[in-house]
C-alpha atoms as a PDB file:
ATOM      1  CA  UNK A   1    -171.221 136.660-105.390  1.00  0.00           C
ATOM      2  CA  UNK A   2    -171.719 137.812-109.061  1.00  0.00           C
ATOM      3  CA  UNK A   3    -172.030 134.436-110.189  1.00  0.00           C
ATOM      4  CA  UNK A   4    -174.677 133.436-107.696  1.00  0.00           C
ATOM      5  CA  UNK A   5    -176.683 136.563-108.552  1.00  0.00           C
ATOM      6  CA  UNK A   6    -176.585 135.923-112.126  1.00  0.00           C
ATOM      7  CA  UNK A   7    -177.872 132.438-111.463  1.00  0.00           C
ATOM      8  CA  UNK A   8    -180.799 133.659-109.252  1.00  0.00           C
ATOM      9  CA  UNK A   9    -181.855 136.252-111.814  1.00  0.00           C
ATOM     10  CA  UNK A  10    -181.620 133.829-114.822  1.00  0.00           C
ATOM     11  CA  UNK A  11    -183.640 131.384-112.662  1.00  0.00           C
ATOM     12  CA  UNK A  12    -186.231 134.096-112.164  1.00  0.00           C
ATOM     13  CA  UNK A  13    -186.622 134.412-115.840  1.00  0.00           C
ATOM     14  CA  UNK A  14    -187.093 130.326-116.118  1.00  0.00           C
ATOM     15  CA  UNK A  15    -183.580 129.856-117.539  1.00  0.00           C
ATOM     16  CA  UNK A  16    -181.142 127.749-115.923  1.00  0.00           C
ATOM     17  CA  UNK A  17    -177.315 127.034-116.810  1.00  0.00           C
ATOM     18  CA  UNK A  18    -175.614 123.793-116.510  1.00  0.00           C
ATOM     19  CA  UNK A  19    -172.244 122.301-117.295  1.00  0.00           C
ATOM     20  CA  UNK A  20    -172.120 120.308-120.488  1.00  0.00           C
ATOM     21  CA  UNK A  21    -169.781 117.996-118.633  1.00  0.00           C
ATOM     22  CA  UNK A  22    -172.905 116.404-116.876  1.00  0.00           C
ATOM     23  CA  UNK A  23    -174.915 113.787-118.707  1.00  0.00           C
ATOM     24  CA  UNK A  24    -178.466 113.905-119.308  1.00  0.00           C
ATOM     25  CA  UNK A  25    -178.800 117.451-120.566  1.00  0.00           C
ATOM     26  CA  UNK A  26    -178.021 117.158-124.173  1.00  0.00           C
ATOM     27  CA  UNK A  27    -178.106 113.862-125.774  1.00  0.00           C
ATOM     28  CA  UNK A  28    -176.455 114.696-129.176  1.00  0.00           C
ATOM     29  CA  UNK A  29    -173.607 116.061-127.100  1.00  0.00           C
ATOM     30  CA  UNK A  30    -173.420 113.054-124.698  1.00  0.00           C
ATOM     31  CA  UNK A  31    -173.507 110.609-127.682  1.00  0.00           C
ATOM     32  CA  UNK A  32    -170.607 112.722-129.655  1.00  0.00           C
ATOM     33  CA  UNK A  33    -168.494 112.410-126.495  1.00  0.00           C
ATOM     34  CA  UNK A  34    -169.171 108.753-126.066  1.00  0.00           C
ATOM     35  CA  UNK A  35    -168.563 107.704-129.504  1.00  0.00           C
ATOM     36  CA  UNK A  36    -165.706 110.269-130.434  1.00  0.00           C
ATOM     37  CA  UNK A  37    -163.438 107.358-130.914  1.00  0.00           C
ATOM     38  CA  UNK A  38    -165.834 105.625-133.418  1.00  0.00           C
ATOM     39  CA  UNK A  39    -168.273 108.247-134.836  1.00  0.00           C
ATOM     40  CA  UNK A  40    -171.808 107.252-135.530  1.00  0.00           C
ATOM     41  CA  UNK A  41    -172.543 105.765-138.991  1.00  0.00           C
ATOM     42  CA  UNK A  42    -176.006 104.339-139.008  1.00  0.00           C
ATOM     43  CA  UNK A  43    -178.912 106.049-136.959  1.00  0.00           C
ATOM     44  CA  UNK A  44    -182.458 104.508-136.905  1.00  0.00           C
ATOM     45  CA  UNK A  45    -185.117 107.048-136.135  1.00  0.00           C
ATOM     46  CA  UNK A  46    -188.229 104.881-135.318  1.00  0.00           C
ATOM     47  CA  UNK A  47    -191.293 107.036-134.900  1.00  0.00           C
ATOM     48  CA  UNK A  48    -190.101 109.731-137.239  1.00  0.00           C
ATOM     49  CA  UNK A  49    -193.285 112.040-137.121  1.00  0.00           C
ATOM     50  CA  UNK A  50    -192.568 114.880-139.221  1.00  0.00           C
ATOM     51  CA  UNK A  51    -188.733 114.467-139.271  1.00  0.00           C
ATOM     52  CA  UNK A  52    -187.880 116.567-136.467  1.00  0.00           C
ATOM     53  CA  UNK A  53    -185.436 114.021-134.724  1.00  0.00           C
ATOM     54  CA  UNK A  54    -184.021 112.926-137.845  1.00  0.00           C
ATOM     55  CA  UNK A  55    -183.027 116.626-138.845  1.00  0.00           C
ATOM     56  CA  UNK A  56    -181.322 117.023-135.404  1.00  0.00           C
ATOM     57  CA  UNK A  57    -179.225 113.838-135.657  1.00  0.00           C
ATOM     58  CA  UNK A  58    -178.394 114.461-139.304  1.00  0.00           C
ATOM     59  CA  UNK A  59    -176.843 118.041-138.159  1.00  0.00           C
ATOM     60  CA  UNK A  60    -175.416 116.612-135.098  1.00  0.00           C
ATOM     61  CA  UNK A  61    -173.650 113.661-136.457  1.00  0.00           C
ATOM     62  CA  UNK A  62    -172.331 114.777-140.112  1.00  0.00           C
ATOM     63  CA  UNK A  63    -170.798 111.198-141.073  1.00  0.00           C
ATOM     64  CA  UNK A  64    -173.970 109.432-140.228  1.00  0.00           C
ATOM     65  CA  UNK A  65    -176.875 107.974-142.413  1.00  0.00           C
ATOM     66  CA  UNK A  66    -180.205 108.591-140.750  1.00  0.00           C
ATOM     67  CA  UNK A  67    -182.947 106.096-141.585  1.00  0.00           C
ATOM     68  CA  UNK A  68    -186.283 107.459-140.344  1.00  0.00           C
ATOM     69  CA  UNK A  69    -189.398 105.492-140.247  1.00  0.00           C
ATOM     70  CA  UNK A  70    -192.852 106.779-140.114  1.00  0.00           C
ATOM     71  CA  UNK A  71    -195.927 104.699-141.102  1.00  0.00           C
ATOM     72  CA  UNK A  72    -199.021 107.096-141.253  1.00  0.00           C
ATOM     73  CA  UNK A  73    -199.190 108.303-144.801  1.00  0.00           C
ATOM     74  CA  UNK A  74    -200.333 111.994-143.846  1.00  0.00           C
ATOM     75  CA  UNK A  75    -197.114 112.207-141.458  1.00  0.00           C
ATOM     76  CA  UNK A  76    -194.845 110.836-144.008  1.00  0.00           C
ATOM     77  CA  UNK A  77    -195.616 113.321-146.510  1.00  0.00           C
ATOM     78  CA  UNK A  78    -194.519 115.901-143.972  1.00  0.00           C
ATOM     79  CA  UNK A  79    -191.765 114.129-143.099  1.00  0.00           C
ATOM     80  CA  UNK A  80    -190.494 113.910-146.660  1.00  0.00           C
ATOM     81  CA  UNK A  81    -190.789 117.501-147.004  1.00  0.00           C
ATOM     82  CA  UNK A  82    -188.904 118.185-143.789  1.00  0.00           C
ATOM     83  CA  UNK A  83    -186.003 116.162-144.617  1.00  0.00           C
ATOM     84  CA  UNK A  84    -185.546 116.808-148.536  1.00  0.00           C
ATOM     85  CA  UNK A  85    -182.625 118.997-148.010  1.00  0.00           C
ATOM     86  CA  UNK A  86    -180.720 116.360-146.607  1.00  0.00           C
ATOM     87  CA  UNK A  87    -179.087 113.609-148.566  1.00  0.00           C
ATOM     88  CA  UNK A  88    -178.056 111.530-145.529  1.00  0.00           C
ATOM     89  CA  UNK A  89    -181.627 111.119-144.291  1.00  0.00           C
ATOM     90  CA  UNK A  90    -183.343 108.134-145.770  1.00  0.00           C
ATOM     91  CA  UNK A  91    -187.354 108.146-144.929  1.00  0.00           C
ATOM     92  CA  UNK A  92    -189.087 104.967-145.047  1.00  0.00           C
ATOM     93  CA  UNK A  93    -193.081 104.650-144.584  1.00  0.00           C
ATOM     94  CA  UNK A  94    -193.253 101.753-142.361  1.00  0.00           C
ATOM     95  CA  UNK A  95    -193.722 100.801-138.755  1.00  0.00           C
ATOM     96  CA  UNK A  96    -191.485  98.452-136.749  1.00  0.00           C
ATOM     97  CA  UNK A  97    -192.703  95.794-134.305  1.00  0.00           C
ATOM     98  CA  UNK A  98    -192.385  92.083-133.739  1.00  0.00           C
ATOM     99  CA  UNK A  99    -194.495  91.111-136.632  1.00  0.00           C
ATOM    100  CA  UNK A 100    -194.011  91.710-140.467  1.00  0.00           C
ATOM    101  CA  UNK A 101    -197.065  92.401-142.670  1.00  0.00           C
ATOM    102  CA  UNK A 102    -199.830  94.947-141.648  1.00  0.00           C
ATOM    103  CA  UNK A 103    -201.018  96.431-138.385  1.00  0.00           C
ATOM    104  CA  UNK A 104    -203.727  98.703-137.056  1.00  0.00           C
ATOM    105  CA  UNK A 105    -202.489 102.127-135.848  1.00  0.00           C
ATOM    106  CA  UNK A 106    -204.897 104.323-133.854  1.00  0.00           C
ATOM    107  CA  UNK A 107    -204.989 107.842-134.874  1.00  0.00           C
ATOM    108  CA  UNK A 108    -204.833 110.605-132.111  1.00  0.00           C
ATOM    109  CA  UNK A 109    -205.612 114.348-132.383  1.00  0.00           C
ATOM    110  CA  UNK A 110    -201.857 115.036-132.181  1.00  0.00           C
ATOM    111  CA  UNK A 111    -200.053 112.898-134.917  1.00  0.00           C
ATOM    112  CA  UNK A 112    -197.049 112.683-132.691  1.00  0.00           C
ATOM    113  CA  UNK A 113    -199.339 110.569-130.129  1.00  0.00           C
ATOM    114  CA  UNK A 114    -200.586 108.074-132.850  1.00  0.00           C
ATOM    115  CA  UNK A 115    -200.223 104.434-131.386  1.00  0.00           C
ATOM    116  CA  UNK A 116    -200.661 100.759-131.921  1.00  0.00           C
ATOM    117  CA  UNK A 117    -202.029 100.607-128.536  1.00  0.00           C
ATOM    118  CA  UNK A 118    -205.814 100.844-127.688  1.00  0.00           C
ATOM    119  CA  UNK A 119    -206.661 104.151-126.783  1.00  0.00           C
ATOM    120  CA  UNK A 120    -210.155 105.503-126.072  1.00  0.00           C
ATOM    121  CA  UNK A 121    -209.277 109.104-127.175  1.00  0.00           C
ATOM    122  CA  UNK A 122    -208.400 107.858-130.616  1.00  0.00           C
ATOM    123  CA  UNK A 123    -210.120 109.722-133.604  1.00  0.00           C
ATOM    124  CA  UNK A 124    -209.865 106.882-135.954  1.00  0.00           C
ATOM    125  CA  UNK A 125    -207.578 104.195-137.102  1.00  0.00           C
ATOM    126  CA  UNK A 126    -206.006 102.655-140.401  1.00  0.00           C
ATOM    127  CA  UNK A 127    -203.732  99.790-141.376  1.00  0.00           C
ATOM    128  CA  UNK A 128    -200.211 100.409-141.904  1.00  0.00           C
ATOM    129  CA  UNK A 129    -197.206  98.250-143.054  1.00  0.00           C
ATOM    130  CA  UNK A 130    -195.028  96.762-140.353  1.00  0.00           C
ATOM    131  CA  UNK A 131    -191.723  95.071-140.317  1.00  0.00           C
ATOM    132  CA  UNK A 132    -189.053  93.861-137.944  1.00  0.00           C
ATOM    133  CA  UNK A 133    -185.771  95.469-137.551  1.00  0.00           C
ATOM    134  CA  UNK A 134    -184.159  92.147-137.758  1.00  0.00           C
ATOM    135  CA  UNK A 135    -185.697  91.576-141.223  1.00  0.00           C
ATOM    136  CA  UNK A 136    -184.996  95.360-142.492  1.00  0.00           C
ATOM    137  CA  UNK A 137    -181.206  95.219-141.350  1.00  0.00           C
ATOM    138  CA  UNK A 138    -181.043  91.740-143.189  1.00  0.00           C
ATOM    139  CA  UNK A 139    -182.732  93.107-146.452  1.00  0.00           C
ATOM    140  CA  UNK A 140    -180.652  96.099-146.623  1.00  0.00           C
ATOM    141  CA  UNK A 141    -177.407  94.663-145.710  1.00  0.00           C
ATOM    142  CA  UNK A 142    -176.927  96.952-142.476  1.00  0.00           C
ATOM    143  CA  UNK A 143    -173.976  95.677-140.449  1.00  0.00           C
ATOM    144  CA  UNK A 144    -174.569  97.821-137.265  1.00  0.00           C
ATOM    145  CA  UNK A 145    -177.150 100.314-135.954  1.00  0.00           C
ATOM    146  CA  UNK A 146    -174.859 102.940-134.000  1.00  0.00           C
ATOM    147  CA  UNK A 147    -178.160 104.591-132.492  1.00  0.00           C
ATOM    148  CA  UNK A 148    -181.643 103.172-132.375  1.00  0.00           C
ATOM    149  CA  UNK A 149    -184.022 105.986-131.412  1.00  0.00           C
ATOM    150  CA  UNK A 150    -187.462 104.841-130.276  1.00  0.00           C
ATOM    151  CA  UNK A 151    -190.619 106.852-129.792  1.00  0.00           C
ATOM    152  CA  UNK A 152    -193.511 104.652-130.696  1.00  0.00           C
ATOM    153  CA  UNK A 153    -196.004 105.572-128.078  1.00  0.00           C
ATOM    154  CA  UNK A 154    -195.789 102.343-125.743  1.00  0.00           C
ATOM    155  CA  UNK A 155    -194.770  99.989-128.485  1.00  0.00           C
ATOM    156  CA  UNK A 156    -191.049 100.193-127.630  1.00  0.00           C
ATOM    157  CA  UNK A 157    -190.841  96.536-126.344  1.00  0.00           C
ATOM    158  CA  UNK A 158    -192.454  95.058-129.316  1.00  0.00           C
ATOM    159  CA  UNK A 159    -189.877  96.824-131.437  1.00  0.00           C
ATOM    160  CA  UNK A 160    -187.108  95.654-129.367  1.00  0.00           C
ATOM    161  CA  UNK A 161    -188.515  91.957-129.602  1.00  0.00           C
ATOM    162  CA  UNK A 162    -188.274  92.328-133.419  1.00  0.00           C
ATOM    163  CA  UNK A 163    -184.739  93.210-133.137  1.00  0.00           C
ATOM    164  CA  UNK A 164    -183.819  90.282-130.909  1.00  0.00           C
ATOM    165  CA  UNK A 165    -181.238  88.917-133.335  1.00  0.00           C
ATOM    166  CA  UNK A 166    -179.454  92.134-133.898  1.00  0.00           C
ATOM    167  CA  UNK A 167    -179.458  92.882-130.407  1.00  0.00           C
ATOM    168  CA  UNK A 168    -178.141  89.467-129.629  1.00  0.00           C
ATOM    169  CA  UNK A 169    -175.248  89.706-131.978  1.00  0.00           C
ATOM    170  CA  UNK A 170    -174.241  93.077-130.350  1.00  0.00           C
ATOM    171  CA  UNK A 171    -175.036  95.109-133.453  1.00  0.00           C
ATOM    172  CA  UNK A 172    -176.775  98.030-131.617  1.00  0.00           C
ATOM    173  CA  UNK A 173    -174.441 100.361-129.693  1.00  0.00           C
ATOM    174  CA  UNK A 174    -176.806 102.899-128.304  1.00  0.00           C
ATOM    175  CA  UNK A 175    -180.581 103.069-127.598  1.00  0.00           C
ATOM    176  CA  UNK A 176    -182.318 106.312-127.012  1.00  0.00           C
ATOM    177  CA  UNK A 177    -186.060 105.619-126.104  1.00  0.00           C
ATOM    178  CA  UNK A 178    -189.173 107.302-124.588  1.00  0.00           C
ATOM    179  CA  UNK A 179    -190.370 105.919-121.228  1.00  0.00           C
ATOM    180  CA  UNK A 180    -192.116 106.921-118.249  1.00  0.00           C
ATOM    181  CA  UNK A 181    -191.701 106.410-114.512  1.00  0.00           C
ATOM    182  CA  UNK A 182    -193.341 104.580-112.913  1.00  0.00           C
ATOM    183  CA  UNK A 183    -195.896 103.571-115.438  1.00  0.00           C
ATOM    184  CA  UNK A 184    -199.021 104.522-117.362  1.00  0.00           C
ATOM    185  CA  UNK A 185    -201.312 102.946-119.844  1.00  0.00           C
ATOM    186  CA  UNK A 186    -199.970 104.851-123.090  1.00  0.00           C
ATOM    187  CA  UNK A 187    -196.190 104.645-122.573  1.00  0.00           C
ATOM    188  CA  UNK A 188    -193.452 101.986-122.064  1.00  0.00           C
ATOM    189  CA  UNK A 189    -192.486 101.632-118.394  1.00  0.00           C
ATOM    190  CA  UNK A 190    -188.777 102.514-117.622  1.00  0.00           C
ATOM    191  CA  UNK A 191    -188.441  99.389-115.385  1.00  0.00           C
ATOM    192  CA  UNK A 192    -189.802  96.963-118.032  1.00  0.00           C
ATOM    193  CA  UNK A 193    -187.435  98.688-120.661  1.00  0.00           C
ATOM    194  CA  UNK A 194    -184.479  98.320-118.454  1.00  0.00           C
ATOM    195  CA  UNK A 195    -185.168  94.806-117.405  1.00  0.00           C
ATOM    196  CA  UNK A 196    -185.136  94.084-121.083  1.00  0.00           C
ATOM    197  CA  UNK A 197    -182.102  95.881-122.234  1.00  0.00           C
ATOM    198  CA  UNK A 198    -180.034  94.552-119.399  1.00  0.00           C
ATOM    199  CA  UNK A 199    -180.549  91.215-120.600  1.00  0.00           C
ATOM    200  CA  UNK A 200    -178.769  92.207-123.762  1.00  0.00           C
ATOM    201  CA  UNK A 201    -175.770  93.634-122.133  1.00  0.00           C
ATOM    202  CA  UNK A 202    -177.007  97.384-122.095  1.00  0.00           C
ATOM    203  CA  UNK A 203    -176.186  99.874-119.284  1.00  0.00           C
ATOM    204  CA  UNK A 204    -178.173 102.786-118.296  1.00  0.00           C
ATOM    205  CA  UNK A 205    -176.339 106.155-119.262  1.00  0.00           C
ATOM    206  CA  UNK A 206    -178.632 109.129-118.593  1.00  0.00           C
ATOM    207  CA  UNK A 207    -182.338 110.285-118.520  1.00  0.00           C
ATOM    208  CA  UNK A 208    -183.699 113.311-120.169  1.00  0.00           C
ATOM    209  CA  UNK A 209    -186.750 114.515-118.560  1.00  0.00           C
ATOM    210  CA  UNK A 210    -189.647 115.918-120.829  1.00  0.00           C
ATOM    211  CA  UNK A 211    -192.851 116.243-118.687  1.00  0.00           C
ATOM    212  CA  UNK A 212    -194.291 115.416-115.357  1.00  0.00           C
ATOM    213  CA  UNK A 213    -197.823 114.928-114.570  1.00  0.00           C
ATOM    214  CA  UNK A 214    -199.110 116.328-111.223  1.00  0.00           C
ATOM    215  CA  UNK A 215    -202.195 114.248-110.958  1.00  0.00           C
ATOM    216  CA  UNK A 216    -200.604 110.886-111.709  1.00  0.00           C
ATOM    217  CA  UNK A 217    -197.272 111.526-110.368  1.00  0.00           C
ATOM    218  CA  UNK A 218    -195.685 110.285-113.561  1.00  0.00           C
ATOM    219  CA  UNK A 219    -192.632 111.414-115.256  1.00  0.00           C
ATOM    220  CA  UNK A 220    -192.131 111.078-118.956  1.00  0.00           C
ATOM    221  CA  UNK A 221    -188.810 111.373-120.874  1.00  0.00           C
ATOM    222  CA  UNK A 222    -186.058 109.747-122.716  1.00  0.00           C
ATOM    223  CA  UNK A 223    -183.390 107.278-121.618  1.00  0.00           C
ATOM    224  CA  UNK A 224    -180.057 106.591-123.241  1.00  0.00           C
ATOM    225  CA  UNK A 225    -178.400 103.213-123.008  1.00  0.00           C
ATOM    226  CA  UNK A 226    -175.201 101.937-124.044  1.00  0.00           C
ATOM    227  CA  UNK A 227    -174.062  98.383-124.861  1.00  0.00           C
ATOM    228  CA  UNK A 228    -171.511  98.032-122.135  1.00  0.00           C
ATOM    229  CA  UNK A 229    -169.055  95.926-124.325  1.00  0.00           C
ATOM    230  CA  UNK A 230    -168.494  98.839-126.730  1.00  0.00           C
ATOM    231  CA  UNK A 231    -168.175 101.790-124.186  1.00  0.00           C
ATOM    232  CA  UNK A 232    -165.058 103.736-124.610  1.00  0.00           C
ATOM    233  CA  UNK A 233    -162.487 103.648-121.910  1.00  0.00           C
ATOM    234  CA  UNK A 234    -162.404 107.415-121.721  1.00  0.00           C
ATOM    235  CA  UNK A 235    -164.291 110.388-122.766  1.00  0.00           C
ATOM    236  CA  UNK A 236    -163.843 114.141-122.590  1.00  0.00           C
ATOM    237  CA  UNK A 237    -164.791 116.186-119.568  1.00  0.00           C
ATOM    238  CA  UNK A 238    -165.899 114.834-116.274  1.00  0.00           C
ATOM    239  CA  UNK A 239    -166.307 111.185-117.484  1.00  0.00           C
ATOM    240  CA  UNK A 240    -162.512 110.487-117.347  1.00  0.00           C
ATOM    241  CA  UNK A 241    -163.106 106.755-116.599  1.00  0.00           C
ATOM    242  CA  UNK A 242    -166.484 105.154-117.890  1.00  0.00           C
ATOM    243  CA  UNK A 243    -165.140 101.849-118.572  1.00  0.00           C
END
């Protein structure tokens, strides 16, 4: 009775308590449990913005080096300031995709929404440097990407296309990426993403909801995928057997 009353009161205040045994609530906790036998070492934060996610991951995974990538100079300057206290965060002013060279990025009112896709709401555009993940890991002698985080406003599939060799050799363990259900014109469809990653041996782990648009019936969030062959046989909590 007391537990039920407290739950009702907290929900009236807009707060909900959930067991951390459940997947899909806290991605850092989920990844820590899944990788407890083999801690994350190399994290790629593609779409670094101001460094918010890079800092989160650096704090959550103290053994990891976080490579963060942000191509827009104004955002990159703020990113550098935001991560300068962390020796394990390595910032790079570059975009990723399926080509190497330069590409036009469309600038939005919110820097977090800057996109390679055409968008009528863009306030301007500029050319930025672009590379492929395959080329970057080869040049920098990176053996494995333990976590690839993607938030590139609808350009996720192009980034994955540029990581074809790395994916084919099983050198990416987890992918955490923004997507929408069912689809819109500015973000990557969950279903297209799922089809792509299934071909490379990944399985869906959890979905972390961020927003829902009532007018379009479209949900925005982040999906966590794991390379099936590298999942542990056991994990703590209610994931007693996830092989």
